Amino acid sequence: PIANSCLFIGKFFLVDAGYAMRLGFLPPYRGTRYHLKEYGRGNHPQNAKELFNLRHSSLRTSVERAFAAYKNRWKFVYNKPFHGYKTQVKVVLACAILHNWVLQYGEDEYFPPEETWDPEPNDEDPNDIVYDNHSWAQKRDEFANHMWANRGLANI
């Protein structure tokens, strides 16, 4: 099950406001400025929640650009996943590694064509996830307060 995997030891999914607060899912604060365009020139975050949302938005934009590059390069990533959860995690990591390798060294004639890749059977049950919404909301608050306390030490 996802909740028992090592995924949540210091890691989380960066999600949009459409997701509820729950273990391993880190949405922005609702009812607080979020989109980068809302922070125009000279319009800086006024509190910890706004700073958290600004950085959340910036990071999500970077992640979305990276996935767009993956989907453009490896078309199989664009389709609905047919692999088990653990394999999906490995596929994303492999795509990131290959993407960085290709950026540094160029194409490689030894990459097998994606048509030859076979799916792995999905034997995981997504209903096995255990949620702890309150403690995860506290974790988000800790992130936000840490960012706010150290706001002069980093960009954005």
N, C-alpha and C. Protein backbone atom coordinates (compact mmCIF):
# COMPACT_ATOMS: atom_id res chain seq x y z
N PRO A 1 0.82 -1.20 0.00
CA PRO A 1 0.00 0.00 0.00
C PRO A 1 0.86 1.26 0.00
N ILE A 2 0.32 2.30 -0.56
CA ILE A 2 1.05 3.56 -0.69
C ILE A 2 1.45 4.12 0.67
N ALA A 3 0.54 4.08 1.64
CA ALA A 3 0.81 4.69 2.94
C ALA A 3 1.97 4.02 3.66
N ASN A 4 2.22 2.75 3.37
CA ASN A 4 3.29 2.03 4.04
C ASN A 4 4.60 2.08 3.28
N SER A 5 4.61 2.71 2.12
CA SER A 5 5.85 2.76 1.34
C SER A 5 6.76 3.83 1.91
N CYS A 6 7.99 3.83 1.46
CA CYS A 6 8.95 4.81 1.94
C CYS A 6 8.71 6.17 1.30
N LEU A 7 7.71 6.27 0.43
CA LEU A 7 7.43 7.52 -0.26
C LEU A 7 7.22 8.68 0.71
N PHE A 8 6.53 8.44 1.82
CA PHE A 8 6.15 9.53 2.69
C PHE A 8 7.18 9.87 3.76
N ILE A 9 8.32 9.25 3.72
CA ILE A 9 9.36 9.62 4.67
C ILE A 9 10.07 10.84 4.09
N GLY A 10 9.61 12.01 4.50
CA GLY A 10 10.20 13.26 4.03
C GLY A 10 9.80 13.65 2.62
N LYS A 11 8.79 13.01 2.04
CA LYS A 11 8.38 13.31 0.67
C LYS A 11 6.88 13.49 0.60
N PHE A 12 6.41 14.13 -0.47
CA PHE A 12 4.99 14.38 -0.63
C PHE A 12 4.69 14.69 -2.08
N PHE A 13 3.40 14.64 -2.41
CA PHE A 13 2.94 15.07 -3.73
C PHE A 13 2.56 16.54 -3.63
N LEU A 14 3.06 17.34 -4.53
CA LEU A 14 2.71 18.75 -4.61
C LEU A 14 1.45 18.81 -5.46
N VAL A 15 0.31 19.15 -4.87
CA VAL A 15 -0.97 19.10 -5.57
C VAL A 15 -1.63 20.47 -5.59
N ASP A 16 -2.62 20.63 -6.46
CA ASP A 16 -3.32 21.91 -6.53
C ASP A 16 -4.44 21.96 -5.50
N ALA A 17 -5.13 23.10 -5.44
CA ALA A 17 -6.14 23.32 -4.41
C ALA A 17 -7.36 22.42 -4.57
N GLY A 18 -7.48 21.72 -5.67
CA GLY A 18 -8.59 20.80 -5.87
C GLY A 18 -8.47 19.55 -5.01
N TYR A 19 -7.30 19.30 -4.46
CA TYR A 19 -7.08 18.13 -3.60
C TYR A 19 -7.28 18.52 -2.14
N ALA A 20 -7.82 17.59 -1.38
CA ALA A 20 -7.98 17.80 0.05
C ALA A 20 -6.64 17.59 0.74
N MET A 21 -6.51 18.19 1.91
CA MET A 21 -5.31 17.97 2.72
C MET A 21 -5.37 16.56 3.28
N ARG A 22 -4.36 15.77 2.96
CA ARG A 22 -4.25 14.42 3.51
C ARG A 22 -2.81 13.97 3.43
N LEU A 23 -2.51 12.91 4.11
CA LEU A 23 -1.15 12.41 4.21
C LEU A 23 -0.51 12.28 2.84
N GLY A 24 0.64 12.92 2.69
CA GLY A 24 1.40 12.81 1.46
C GLY A 24 0.97 13.74 0.35
N PHE A 25 -0.09 14.52 0.55
CA PHE A 25 -0.57 15.47 -0.45
C PHE A 25 -0.42 16.87 0.13
N LEU A 26 0.29 17.73 -0.57
CA LEU A 26 0.56 19.07 -0.06
C LEU A 26 -0.07 20.12 -0.97
N PRO A 27 -1.33 20.50 -0.67
CA PRO A 27 -1.98 21.55 -1.47
C PRO A 27 -1.63 22.93 -0.92
N PRO A 28 -1.90 23.98 -1.71
CA PRO A 28 -1.70 25.33 -1.19
C PRO A 28 -2.80 25.67 -0.19
N TYR A 29 -2.61 26.77 0.51
CA TYR A 29 -3.66 27.26 1.41
C TYR A 29 -4.79 27.82 0.56
N ARG A 30 -6.01 27.48 0.92
CA ARG A 30 -7.18 28.02 0.21
C ARG A 30 -7.50 29.39 0.78
N GLY A 31 -8.07 30.24 -0.07
CA GLY A 31 -8.45 31.58 0.36
C GLY A 31 -7.27 32.50 0.56
N THR A 32 -6.13 32.14 0.02
CA THR A 32 -4.89 32.92 0.14
C THR A 32 -4.32 33.09 -1.26
N ARG A 33 -3.74 34.27 -1.54
CA ARG A 33 -3.16 34.50 -2.87
C ARG A 33 -2.28 33.32 -3.26
N TYR A 34 -2.37 32.94 -4.55
CA TYR A 34 -1.61 31.77 -4.98
C TYR A 34 -0.84 31.99 -6.28
N HIS A 35 -1.52 32.34 -7.33
CA HIS A 35 -0.90 32.39 -8.66
C HIS A 35 0.19 33.45 -8.75
N LEU A 36 1.24 33.12 -9.47
CA LEU A 36 2.39 34.03 -9.59
C LEU A 36 1.98 35.40 -10.09
N LYS A 37 0.99 35.47 -10.99
CA LYS A 37 0.57 36.76 -11.53
C LYS A 37 -0.06 37.66 -10.46
N GLU A 38 -0.52 37.09 -9.36
CA GLU A 38 -1.09 37.88 -8.27
C GLU A 38 0.00 38.59 -7.47
N TYR A 39 1.25 38.21 -7.69
CA TYR A 39 2.38 38.83 -7.00
C TYR A 39 3.17 39.66 -8.01
N GLY A 40 2.51 40.65 -8.57
CA GLY A 40 3.18 41.49 -9.56
C GLY A 40 4.35 42.24 -8.94
N ARG A 41 4.98 43.06 -9.76
CA ARG A 41 6.15 43.84 -9.34
C ARG A 41 5.85 44.63 -8.06
N GLY A 42 6.66 44.43 -7.05
CA GLY A 42 6.52 45.16 -5.79
C GLY A 42 5.39 44.65 -4.90
N ASN A 43 4.72 43.60 -5.30
CA ASN A 43 3.60 43.06 -4.54
C ASN A 43 4.06 41.76 -3.88
N HIS A 44 4.71 41.86 -2.75
CA HIS A 44 5.34 40.72 -2.09
C HIS A 44 4.38 40.02 -1.13
N PRO A 45 4.67 38.76 -0.79
CA PRO A 45 3.85 38.05 0.20
C PRO A 45 3.83 38.81 1.53
N GLN A 46 2.67 38.80 2.17
CA GLN A 46 2.50 39.54 3.42
C GLN A 46 2.54 38.66 4.66
N ASN A 47 2.51 37.35 4.48
CA ASN A 47 2.53 36.44 5.64
C ASN A 47 3.03 35.07 5.21
N ALA A 48 3.12 34.16 6.16
CA ALA A 48 3.68 32.83 5.90
C ALA A 48 2.85 32.06 4.88
N LYS A 49 1.54 32.15 4.95
CA LYS A 49 0.69 31.41 4.01
C LYS A 49 0.86 31.91 2.59
N GLU A 50 0.95 33.22 2.41
CA GLU A 50 1.16 33.76 1.06
C GLU A 50 2.52 33.37 0.51
N LEU A 51 3.55 33.40 1.35
CA LEU A 51 4.88 33.00 0.90
C LEU A 51 4.88 31.51 0.52
N PHE A 52 4.25 30.69 1.35
CA PHE A 52 4.15 29.26 1.03
C PHE A 52 3.46 29.07 -0.31
N ASN A 53 2.33 29.75 -0.51
CA ASN A 53 1.59 29.61 -1.77
C ASN A 53 2.39 30.10 -2.97
N LEU A 54 3.14 31.19 -2.80
CA LEU A 54 3.97 31.69 -3.90
C LEU A 54 5.01 30.65 -4.29
N ARG A 55 5.68 30.08 -3.31
CA ARG A 55 6.71 29.07 -3.61
C ARG A 55 6.09 27.78 -4.12
N HIS A 56 4.93 27.43 -3.60
CA HIS A 56 4.19 26.25 -4.08
C HIS A 56 3.86 26.44 -5.57
N SER A 57 3.35 27.60 -5.92
CA SER A 57 3.00 27.90 -7.31
C SER A 57 4.22 27.85 -8.22
N SER A 58 5.31 28.43 -7.77
CA SER A 58 6.54 28.44 -8.56
C SER A 58 7.05 27.02 -8.79
N LEU A 59 7.03 26.21 -7.74
CA LEU A 59 7.50 24.84 -7.86
C LEU A 59 6.57 24.01 -8.75
N ARG A 60 5.26 24.19 -8.59
CA ARG A 60 4.32 23.45 -9.44
C ARG A 60 4.51 23.80 -10.90
N THR A 61 4.79 25.07 -11.20
CA THR A 61 5.03 25.49 -12.58
C THR A 61 6.26 24.77 -13.13
N SER A 62 7.31 24.68 -12.33
CA SER A 62 8.52 23.97 -12.77
C SER A 62 8.26 22.49 -13.00
N VAL A 63 7.51 21.88 -12.11
CA VAL A 63 7.18 20.46 -12.24
C VAL A 63 6.34 20.23 -13.50
N GLU A 64 5.36 21.10 -13.74
CA GLU A 64 4.51 20.96 -14.92
C GLU A 64 5.31 21.11 -16.20
N ARG A 65 6.27 22.03 -16.22
CA ARG A 65 7.13 22.18 -17.40
C ARG A 65 7.97 20.92 -17.62
N ALA A 66 8.48 20.35 -16.54
CA ALA A 66 9.28 19.13 -16.66
C ALA A 66 8.44 17.98 -17.21
N PHE A 67 7.21 17.82 -16.70
CA PHE A 67 6.36 16.75 -17.21
C PHE A 67 5.97 17.00 -18.66
N ALA A 68 5.79 18.25 -19.04
CA ALA A 68 5.50 18.56 -20.45
C ALA A 68 6.66 18.12 -21.33
N ALA A 69 7.88 18.34 -20.87
CA ALA A 69 9.06 17.91 -21.63
C ALA A 69 9.11 16.38 -21.71
N TYR A 70 8.80 15.69 -20.60
CA TYR A 70 8.79 14.22 -20.61
C TYR A 70 7.74 13.70 -21.58
N LYS A 71 6.53 14.28 -21.50
CA LYS A 71 5.45 13.83 -22.37
C LYS A 71 5.77 14.08 -23.84
N ASN A 72 6.48 15.14 -24.11
CA ASN A 72 6.86 15.44 -25.49
C ASN A 72 7.91 14.45 -25.98
N ARG A 73 8.85 14.10 -25.12
CA ARG A 73 9.93 13.20 -25.53
C ARG A 73 9.50 11.73 -25.50
N TRP A 74 8.79 11.33 -24.46
CA TRP A 74 8.36 9.94 -24.31
C TRP A 74 6.84 9.90 -24.29
N LYS A 75 6.26 9.61 -25.43
CA LYS A 75 4.81 9.69 -25.61
C LYS A 75 4.03 8.77 -24.67
N PHE A 76 4.64 7.67 -24.24
CA PHE A 76 3.91 6.75 -23.36
C PHE A 76 3.56 7.40 -22.03
N VAL A 77 4.30 8.40 -21.60
CA VAL A 77 4.02 9.08 -20.33
C VAL A 77 2.72 9.88 -20.44
N TYR A 78 2.38 10.28 -21.66
CA TYR A 78 1.19 11.10 -21.89
C TYR A 78 -0.10 10.32 -21.66
N ASN A 79 -0.07 9.02 -21.86
CA ASN A 79 -1.27 8.19 -21.76
C ASN A 79 -1.61 7.86 -20.31
N LYS A 80 -2.83 7.38 -20.11
CA LYS A 80 -3.27 6.94 -18.79
C LYS A 80 -2.34 5.83 -18.30
N PRO A 81 -1.89 5.90 -17.04
CA PRO A 81 -0.93 4.89 -16.57
C PRO A 81 -1.56 3.50 -16.51
N PHE A 82 -0.82 2.53 -16.98
CA PHE A 82 -1.27 1.15 -16.91
C PHE A 82 -0.33 0.32 -16.05
N HIS A 83 0.64 0.97 -15.45
CA HIS A 83 1.59 0.29 -14.57
C HIS A 83 1.11 0.41 -13.13
N GLY A 84 1.61 -0.46 -12.28
CA GLY A 84 1.36 -0.35 -10.85
C GLY A 84 2.02 0.91 -10.31
N TYR A 85 1.60 1.31 -9.12
CA TYR A 85 2.09 2.56 -8.53
C TYR A 85 3.62 2.59 -8.43
N LYS A 86 4.20 1.52 -7.91
CA LYS A 86 5.66 1.50 -7.73
C LYS A 86 6.37 1.65 -9.07
N THR A 87 5.83 1.02 -10.09
CA THR A 87 6.44 1.14 -11.41
C THR A 87 6.29 2.56 -11.95
N GLN A 88 5.14 3.20 -11.70
CA GLN A 88 4.95 4.58 -12.15
C GLN A 88 6.00 5.50 -11.54
N VAL A 89 6.29 5.31 -10.27
CA VAL A 89 7.32 6.11 -9.61
C VAL A 89 8.66 5.90 -10.30
N LYS A 90 8.97 4.64 -10.58
CA LYS A 90 10.24 4.33 -11.25
C LYS A 90 10.29 4.90 -12.66
N VAL A 91 9.16 4.89 -13.36
CA VAL A 91 9.11 5.44 -14.72
C VAL A 91 9.41 6.93 -14.70
N VAL A 92 8.80 7.66 -13.77
CA VAL A 92 9.05 9.10 -13.67
C VAL A 92 10.52 9.36 -13.36
N LEU A 93 11.08 8.62 -12.42
CA LEU A 93 12.50 8.80 -12.09
C LEU A 93 13.39 8.46 -13.29
N ALA A 94 13.05 7.38 -13.98
CA ALA A 94 13.84 7.00 -15.16
C ALA A 94 13.75 8.08 -16.24
N CYS A 95 12.56 8.63 -16.44
CA CYS A 95 12.41 9.71 -17.43
C CYS A 95 13.25 10.92 -17.04
N ALA A 96 13.26 11.25 -15.75
CA ALA A 96 14.07 12.39 -15.30
C ALA A 96 15.55 12.14 -15.56
N ILE A 97 15.99 10.94 -15.25
CA ILE A 97 17.40 10.59 -15.46
C ILE A 97 17.74 10.63 -16.95
N LEU A 98 16.89 10.01 -17.77
CA LEU A 98 17.13 10.01 -19.21
C LEU A 98 17.07 11.42 -19.80
N HIS A 99 16.12 12.21 -19.33
CA HIS A 99 16.00 13.59 -19.80
C HIS A 99 17.29 14.36 -19.53
N ASN A 100 17.78 14.26 -18.30
CA ASN A 100 19.02 14.96 -17.95
C ASN A 100 20.21 14.41 -18.73
N TRP A 101 20.25 13.10 -18.94
CA TRP A 101 21.34 12.50 -19.69
C TRP A 101 21.33 13.00 -21.13
N VAL A 102 20.15 13.01 -21.75
CA VAL A 102 20.04 13.47 -23.14
C VAL A 102 20.42 14.94 -23.24
N LEU A 103 20.01 15.75 -22.26
CA LEU A 103 20.40 17.17 -22.28
C LEU A 103 21.91 17.33 -22.23
N GLN A 104 22.57 16.47 -21.46
CA GLN A 104 24.02 16.59 -21.31
C GLN A 104 24.79 15.94 -22.45
N TYR A 105 24.36 14.76 -22.90
CA TYR A 105 25.16 13.99 -23.86
C TYR A 105 24.51 13.81 -25.23
N GLY A 106 23.25 14.13 -25.37
CA GLY A 106 22.57 13.93 -26.66
C GLY A 106 21.89 12.57 -26.72
N GLU A 107 21.27 12.29 -27.86
CA GLU A 107 20.54 11.03 -28.06
C GLU A 107 21.49 9.84 -28.00
N ASP A 108 20.93 8.67 -27.73
CA ASP A 108 21.74 7.46 -27.64
C ASP A 108 21.08 6.37 -28.47
N GLU A 109 21.84 5.73 -29.31
CA GLU A 109 21.29 4.69 -30.19
C GLU A 109 20.92 3.42 -29.43
N TYR A 110 21.28 3.33 -28.15
CA TYR A 110 20.99 2.12 -27.38
C TYR A 110 19.67 2.19 -26.62
N PHE A 111 18.96 3.33 -26.65
CA PHE A 111 17.65 3.39 -26.01
C PHE A 111 16.69 2.53 -26.82
N PRO A 112 16.00 1.58 -26.19
CA PRO A 112 15.04 0.77 -26.96
C PRO A 112 13.83 1.62 -27.34
N PRO A 113 13.24 1.36 -28.51
CA PRO A 113 12.04 2.10 -28.90
C PRO A 113 10.91 1.82 -27.92
N GLU A 114 10.10 2.82 -27.62
CA GLU A 114 9.07 2.64 -26.61
C GLU A 114 8.02 1.62 -27.03
N GLU A 115 7.87 1.34 -28.32
CA GLU A 115 6.90 0.34 -28.77
C GLU A 115 7.26 -1.05 -28.23
N THR A 116 8.50 -1.26 -27.85
CA THR A 116 8.93 -2.59 -27.38
C THR A 116 8.75 -2.75 -25.87
N TRP A 117 8.31 -1.72 -25.18
CA TRP A 117 8.17 -1.79 -23.73
C TRP A 117 6.84 -2.44 -23.38
N ASP A 118 6.84 -3.40 -22.47
CA ASP A 118 5.63 -4.09 -22.07
C ASP A 118 5.17 -3.58 -20.71
N PRO A 119 3.84 -3.41 -20.53
CA PRO A 119 3.34 -2.96 -19.23
C PRO A 119 3.47 -4.05 -18.17
N GLU A 120 3.56 -3.60 -16.92
CA GLU A 120 3.62 -4.51 -15.78
C GLU A 120 2.22 -4.60 -15.19
N PRO A 121 1.78 -5.78 -14.73
CA PRO A 121 0.43 -5.88 -14.15
C PRO A 121 0.30 -5.01 -12.90
N ASN A 122 -0.88 -4.42 -12.72
CA ASN A 122 -1.14 -3.55 -11.58
C ASN A 122 -1.81 -4.38 -10.49
N ASP A 123 -1.08 -4.65 -9.40
CA ASP A 123 -1.62 -5.48 -8.32
C ASP A 123 -1.79 -4.71 -7.02
N GLU A 124 -1.76 -3.38 -7.08
CA GLU A 124 -1.88 -2.57 -5.87
C GLU A 124 -3.31 -2.05 -5.74
N ASP A 125 -3.78 -1.93 -4.51
CA ASP A 125 -5.12 -1.44 -4.24
C ASP A 125 -5.05 -0.02 -3.70
N PRO A 126 -5.54 0.97 -4.48
CA PRO A 126 -5.47 2.35 -4.02
C PRO A 126 -6.33 2.62 -2.79
N ASN A 127 -7.24 1.70 -2.44
CA ASN A 127 -8.09 1.89 -1.26
C ASN A 127 -7.37 1.56 0.03
N ASP A 128 -6.12 1.10 -0.04
CA ASP A 128 -5.35 0.78 1.16
C ASP A 128 -4.68 1.99 1.78
N ILE A 129 -4.90 3.18 1.24
CA ILE A 129 -4.24 4.39 1.73
C ILE A 129 -4.83 4.80 3.07
N VAL A 130 -3.97 5.15 4.01
CA VAL A 130 -4.40 5.62 5.32
C VAL A 130 -4.15 7.13 5.38
N TYR A 131 -5.13 7.88 5.85
CA TYR A 131 -5.01 9.34 5.87
C TYR A 131 -4.86 9.87 7.29
N ASP A 132 -4.10 10.91 7.44
CA ASP A 132 -3.95 11.61 8.70
C ASP A 132 -3.93 13.10 8.37
N ASN A 133 -5.10 13.64 8.09
CA ASN A 133 -5.22 15.00 7.56
C ASN A 133 -4.71 16.06 8.52
N HIS A 134 -5.02 15.93 9.79
CA HIS A 134 -4.66 16.98 10.75
C HIS A 134 -3.14 17.11 10.88
N SER A 135 -2.44 16.02 11.05
CA SER A 135 -0.99 16.12 11.21
C SER A 135 -0.33 16.59 9.92
N TRP A 136 -0.92 16.25 8.77
CA TRP A 136 -0.33 16.71 7.51
C TRP A 136 -0.56 18.22 7.34
N ALA A 137 -1.70 18.73 7.79
CA ALA A 137 -1.94 20.17 7.77
C ALA A 137 -0.94 20.89 8.68
N GLN A 138 -0.63 20.28 9.82
CA GLN A 138 0.38 20.86 10.70
C GLN A 138 1.75 20.88 10.03
N LYS A 139 2.06 19.85 9.26
CA LYS A 139 3.33 19.78 8.54
C LYS A 139 3.41 20.92 7.52
N ARG A 140 2.31 21.18 6.81
CA ARG A 140 2.28 22.29 5.85
C ARG A 140 2.50 23.61 6.58
N ASP A 141 1.87 23.77 7.74
CA ASP A 141 2.08 24.99 8.53
C ASP A 141 3.54 25.13 8.95
N GLU A 142 4.18 24.03 9.32
CA GLU A 142 5.61 24.08 9.67
C GLU A 142 6.44 24.54 8.48
N PHE A 143 6.15 24.00 7.29
CA PHE A 143 6.87 24.44 6.08
C PHE A 143 6.68 25.94 5.88
N ALA A 144 5.43 26.39 5.96
CA ALA A 144 5.12 27.80 5.71
C ALA A 144 5.81 28.70 6.72
N ASN A 145 5.76 28.34 7.99
CA ASN A 145 6.39 29.17 9.03
C ASN A 145 7.90 29.19 8.90
N HIS A 146 8.49 28.06 8.52
CA HIS A 146 9.94 28.01 8.29
C HIS A 146 10.32 28.92 7.12
N MET A 147 9.55 28.84 6.04
CA MET A 147 9.82 29.71 4.88
C MET A 147 9.71 31.18 5.26
N TRP A 148 8.67 31.50 6.05
CA TRP A 148 8.45 32.89 6.43
C TRP A 148 9.60 33.39 7.31
N ALA A 149 10.02 32.57 8.25
CA ALA A 149 11.10 32.96 9.16
C ALA A 149 12.42 33.14 8.42
N ASN A 150 12.59 32.43 7.31
CA ASN A 150 13.84 32.48 6.55
C ASN A 150 13.67 33.17 5.20
N ARG A 151 12.65 34.00 5.05
CA ARG A 151 12.32 34.58 3.75
C ARG A 151 13.40 35.46 3.18
N GLY A 152 14.24 36.05 3.98
CA GLY A 152 15.30 36.91 3.47
C GLY A 152 16.52 36.14 3.00
N LEU A 153 16.52 34.82 3.22
CA LEU A 153 17.70 34.02 2.92
C LEU A 153 17.63 33.31 1.57
N ALA A 154 16.50 33.43 0.85
CA ALA A 154 16.36 32.71 -0.42
C ALA A 154 15.63 33.57 -1.44
N ASN A 155 15.77 33.19 -2.68
CA ASN A 155 15.02 33.86 -3.75
C ASN A 155 13.57 33.41 -3.69
N ILE A 156 12.68 34.29 -4.11
CA ILE A 156 11.22 34.11 -4.09
C ILE A 156 10.75 34.01 -2.66
